[in-house]
């Protein structure tokens, strides 16, 4: 497996690139479930992550440049999964943090961040630790 520059060597990652269209999101939901299962996440944690990834993509697709590519990088770090979804956008606006969608993301994934690059690519990062899900463990 290739190494990302500046990343620790004990980190596994998977990158999926697909058309920025809702019809392809099932591929990311399946990849999310498979990788979370590999880390022994519970069924509830896996479902939370699948919904969170779906929601992050839905936010990005609202402003994605038509015909562009949605990129999703999964990083497996010890007992955690970091999912970073990004797409070039028409207006380069960061997602609003006071919306219902952002509240859902935060509740399901734990830690959520967003960034906007100079080229108007918007990125949403989700970080979920096994055993740290909502509700009692």
C-alpha atoms as a PDB file:
ATOM      1  CA  UNK A   1       0.000   0.000   0.000  1.00  0.00           C
ATOM      2  CA  UNK A   2       1.352   3.399  -0.875  1.00  0.00           C
ATOM      3  CA  UNK A   3       2.232   5.934   1.778  1.00  0.00           C
ATOM      4  CA  UNK A   4       0.804   9.451   2.022  1.00  0.00           C
ATOM      5  CA  UNK A   5       3.557  12.034   2.433  1.00  0.00           C
ATOM      6  CA  UNK A   6       3.915  13.070   6.051  1.00  0.00           C
ATOM      7  CA  UNK A   7       1.561  10.373   7.337  1.00  0.00           C
ATOM      8  CA  UNK A   8       2.581   7.745   9.890  1.00  0.00           C
ATOM      9  CA  UNK A   9       3.479   4.390   8.364  1.00  0.00           C
ATOM     10  CA  UNK A  10       1.011   2.419  10.511  1.00  0.00           C
ATOM     11  CA  UNK A  11      -1.994   4.054   8.888  1.00  0.00           C
ATOM     12  CA  UNK A  12      -4.171   2.271   6.328  1.00  0.00           C
ATOM     13  CA  UNK A  13      -6.185   4.315   3.880  1.00  0.00           C
ATOM     14  CA  UNK A  14      -8.614   3.804   1.026  1.00  0.00           C
ATOM     15  CA  UNK A  15      -9.516   6.484  -1.505  1.00  0.00           C
ATOM     16  CA  UNK A  16     -12.657   6.331  -3.610  1.00  0.00           C
ATOM     17  CA  UNK A  17     -13.267   8.799  -6.440  1.00  0.00           C
ATOM     18  CA  UNK A  18     -16.600   8.839  -8.204  1.00  0.00           C
ATOM     19  CA  UNK A  19     -18.906  11.174 -10.122  1.00  0.00           C
ATOM     20  CA  UNK A  20     -20.410  13.886  -7.908  1.00  0.00           C
ATOM     21  CA  UNK A  21     -23.940  12.549  -8.294  1.00  0.00           C
ATOM     22  CA  UNK A  22     -26.326  11.033  -5.772  1.00  0.00           C
ATOM     23  CA  UNK A  23     -26.681   7.832  -7.813  1.00  0.00           C
ATOM     24  CA  UNK A  24     -23.155   6.781  -6.778  1.00  0.00           C
ATOM     25  CA  UNK A  25     -23.457   7.320  -3.014  1.00  0.00           C
ATOM     26  CA  UNK A  26     -24.351   3.665  -2.402  1.00  0.00           C
ATOM     27  CA  UNK A  27     -20.712   2.833  -3.257  1.00  0.00           C
ATOM     28  CA  UNK A  28     -19.511   5.057  -0.400  1.00  0.00           C
ATOM     29  CA  UNK A  29     -22.094   3.680   2.027  1.00  0.00           C
ATOM     30  CA  UNK A  30     -20.887   0.145   1.253  1.00  0.00           C
ATOM     31  CA  UNK A  31     -17.204   1.101   1.599  1.00  0.00           C
ATOM     32  CA  UNK A  32     -17.952   2.859   4.900  1.00  0.00           C
ATOM     33  CA  UNK A  33     -19.717  -0.202   6.307  1.00  0.00           C
ATOM     34  CA  UNK A  34     -16.972  -2.580   5.192  1.00  0.00           C
ATOM     35  CA  UNK A  35     -14.124  -0.526   6.617  1.00  0.00           C
ATOM     36  CA  UNK A  36     -15.935   0.164   9.898  1.00  0.00           C
ATOM     37  CA  UNK A  37     -16.642  -3.569  10.235  1.00  0.00           C
ATOM     38  CA  UNK A  38     -12.936  -4.239   9.716  1.00  0.00           C
ATOM     39  CA  UNK A  39     -12.282  -2.096  12.808  1.00  0.00           C
ATOM     40  CA  UNK A  40     -14.879  -4.074  14.780  1.00  0.00           C
ATOM     41  CA  UNK A  41     -17.330  -1.193  15.089  1.00  0.00           C
ATOM     42  CA  UNK A  42     -20.728  -2.242  16.414  1.00  0.00           C
ATOM     43  CA  UNK A  43     -23.662  -2.531  14.022  1.00  0.00           C
ATOM     44  CA  UNK A  44     -25.098   0.711  15.436  1.00  0.00           C
ATOM     45  CA  UNK A  45     -21.765   2.530  14.984  1.00  0.00           C
ATOM     46  CA  UNK A  46     -21.514   1.234  11.407  1.00  0.00           C
ATOM     47  CA  UNK A  47     -25.021   2.459  10.609  1.00  0.00           C
ATOM     48  CA  UNK A  48     -24.295   5.852  12.211  1.00  0.00           C
ATOM     49  CA  UNK A  49     -21.196   6.222  10.033  1.00  0.00           C
ATOM     50  CA  UNK A  50     -23.057   5.192   6.875  1.00  0.00           C
ATOM     51  CA  UNK A  51     -25.704   7.841   7.545  1.00  0.00           C
ATOM     52  CA  UNK A  52     -23.064  10.459   8.412  1.00  0.00           C
ATOM     53  CA  UNK A  53     -21.100   9.841   5.199  1.00  0.00           C
ATOM     54  CA  UNK A  54     -24.339   9.985   3.210  1.00  0.00           C
ATOM     55  CA  UNK A  55     -25.265  13.285   4.886  1.00  0.00           C
ATOM     56  CA  UNK A  56     -21.806  14.812   4.299  1.00  0.00           C
ATOM     57  CA  UNK A  57     -22.003  13.871   0.628  1.00  0.00           C
ATOM     58  CA  UNK A  58     -25.527  15.297   0.326  1.00  0.00           C
ATOM     59  CA  UNK A  59     -24.249  18.617   1.712  1.00  0.00           C
ATOM     60  CA  UNK A  60     -21.409  18.680  -0.818  1.00  0.00           C
ATOM     61  CA  UNK A  61     -23.532  17.602  -3.779  1.00  0.00           C
ATOM     62  CA  UNK A  62     -25.837  20.605  -3.281  1.00  0.00           C
ATOM     63  CA  UNK A  63     -23.044  22.910  -4.448  1.00  0.00           C
ATOM     64  CA  UNK A  64     -20.758  20.549  -6.407  1.00  0.00           C
ATOM     65  CA  UNK A  65     -19.666  21.610  -9.876  1.00  0.00           C
ATOM     66  CA  UNK A  66     -21.771  19.609 -12.377  1.00  0.00           C
ATOM     67  CA  UNK A  67     -19.757  16.757 -13.876  1.00  0.00           C
ATOM     68  CA  UNK A  68     -17.060  16.962 -11.192  1.00  0.00           C
ATOM     69  CA  UNK A  69     -15.541  14.211  -9.056  1.00  0.00           C
ATOM     70  CA  UNK A  70     -16.356  13.502  -5.412  1.00  0.00           C
ATOM     71  CA  UNK A  71     -13.340  12.201  -3.503  1.00  0.00           C
ATOM     72  CA  UNK A  72     -13.612  10.191  -0.305  1.00  0.00           C
ATOM     73  CA  UNK A  73     -10.586   9.115   1.744  1.00  0.00           C
ATOM     74  CA  UNK A  74     -10.990   6.618   4.579  1.00  0.00           C
ATOM     75  CA  UNK A  75      -8.146   6.466   7.116  1.00  0.00           C
ATOM     76  CA  UNK A  76      -8.060   3.584   9.577  1.00  0.00           C
ATOM     77  CA  UNK A  77      -6.236   4.786  12.676  1.00  0.00           C
ATOM     78  CA  UNK A  78      -6.066   2.279  15.554  1.00  0.00           C
ATOM     79  CA  UNK A  79      -9.694   2.027  16.733  1.00  0.00           C
ATOM     80  CA  UNK A  80     -10.906   5.042  14.748  1.00  0.00           C
ATOM     81  CA  UNK A  81     -12.071   5.779  11.238  1.00  0.00           C
ATOM     82  CA  UNK A  82     -11.584   9.183   9.646  1.00  0.00           C
ATOM     83  CA  UNK A  83     -13.635   9.861   6.529  1.00  0.00           C
ATOM     84  CA  UNK A  84     -12.784  12.916   4.421  1.00  0.00           C
ATOM     85  CA  UNK A  85     -15.162  13.807   1.599  1.00  0.00           C
ATOM     86  CA  UNK A  86     -14.388  16.625  -0.834  1.00  0.00           C
ATOM     87  CA  UNK A  87     -15.685  18.081  -4.075  1.00  0.00           C
ATOM     88  CA  UNK A  88     -15.069  21.164  -6.200  1.00  0.00           C
ATOM     89  CA  UNK A  89     -17.952  23.567  -5.678  1.00  0.00           C
ATOM     90  CA  UNK A  90     -19.482  26.440  -7.597  1.00  0.00           C
ATOM     91  CA  UNK A  91     -19.300  28.963  -4.752  1.00  0.00           C
ATOM     92  CA  UNK A  92     -16.793  27.588  -2.228  1.00  0.00           C
ATOM     93  CA  UNK A  93     -19.019  28.013   0.824  1.00  0.00           C
ATOM     94  CA  UNK A  94     -18.259  26.041   3.976  1.00  0.00           C
ATOM     95  CA  UNK A  95     -21.286  24.143   5.297  1.00  0.00           C
ATOM     96  CA  UNK A  96     -23.316  26.113   7.826  1.00  0.00           C
ATOM     97  CA  UNK A  97     -22.797  24.729  11.318  1.00  0.00           C
ATOM     98  CA  UNK A  98     -26.182  25.818  12.678  1.00  0.00           C
ATOM     99  CA  UNK A  99     -28.215  23.570  10.354  1.00  0.00           C
ATOM    100  CA  UNK A 100     -30.039  20.341  11.083  1.00  0.00           C
ATOM    101  CA  UNK A 101     -27.712  18.479   8.676  1.00  0.00           C
ATOM    102  CA  UNK A 102     -24.602  19.613  10.606  1.00  0.00           C
ATOM    103  CA  UNK A 103     -26.238  18.641  13.912  1.00  0.00           C
ATOM    104  CA  UNK A 104     -26.947  15.172  12.509  1.00  0.00           C
ATOM    105  CA  UNK A 105     -23.344  14.849  11.307  1.00  0.00           C
ATOM    106  CA  UNK A 106     -21.950  15.840  14.691  1.00  0.00           C
ATOM    107  CA  UNK A 107     -24.249  13.492  16.583  1.00  0.00           C
ATOM    108  CA  UNK A 108     -23.498  10.503  14.350  1.00  0.00           C
ATOM    109  CA  UNK A 109     -19.786  10.917  13.691  1.00  0.00           C
ATOM    110  CA  UNK A 110     -18.445  12.535  16.846  1.00  0.00           C
ATOM    111  CA  UNK A 111     -15.911  15.016  15.488  1.00  0.00           C
ATOM    112  CA  UNK A 112     -16.775  16.917  12.283  1.00  0.00           C
ATOM    113  CA  UNK A 113     -14.766  19.625  10.537  1.00  0.00           C
ATOM    114  CA  UNK A 114     -14.962  21.435   7.221  1.00  0.00           C
ATOM    115  CA  UNK A 115     -12.492  23.404   5.127  1.00  0.00           C
ATOM    116  CA  UNK A 116     -12.546  25.343   1.877  1.00  0.00           C
ATOM    117  CA  UNK A 117      -9.495  25.395  -0.395  1.00  0.00           C
ATOM    118  CA  UNK A 118      -8.445  28.316  -2.586  1.00  0.00           C
ATOM    119  CA  UNK A 119      -9.860  26.525  -5.645  1.00  0.00           C
ATOM    120  CA  UNK A 120     -13.319  26.337  -3.947  1.00  0.00           C
ATOM    121  CA  UNK A 121     -13.015  22.645  -3.120  1.00  0.00           C
ATOM    122  CA  UNK A 122     -15.049  22.013   0.019  1.00  0.00           C
ATOM    123  CA  UNK A 123     -13.997  19.207   2.367  1.00  0.00           C
ATOM    124  CA  UNK A 124     -15.940  17.649   5.228  1.00  0.00           C
ATOM    125  CA  UNK A 125     -14.038  15.385   7.633  1.00  0.00           C
ATOM    126  CA  UNK A 126     -15.719  12.939  10.005  1.00  0.00           C
ATOM    127  CA  UNK A 127     -13.833  11.214  12.805  1.00  0.00           C
ATOM    128  CA  UNK A 128     -15.463   8.286  14.599  1.00  0.00           C
ATOM    129  CA  UNK A 129     -13.823   6.298  17.388  1.00  0.00           C
ATOM    130  CA  UNK A 130     -15.012   2.778  18.122  1.00  0.00           C
ATOM    131  CA  UNK A 131     -16.943   2.650  21.375  1.00  0.00           C
ATOM    132  CA  UNK A 132     -17.441   6.420  21.516  1.00  0.00           C
ATOM    133  CA  UNK A 133     -20.852   6.448  19.825  1.00  0.00           C
ATOM    134  CA  UNK A 134     -23.956   8.175  21.108  1.00  0.00           C
ATOM    135  CA  UNK A 135     -25.730   6.562  24.038  1.00  0.00           C
ATOM    136  CA  UNK A 136     -24.407   4.070  26.577  1.00  0.00           C
ATOM    137  CA  UNK A 137     -21.675   1.686  25.439  1.00  0.00           C
END
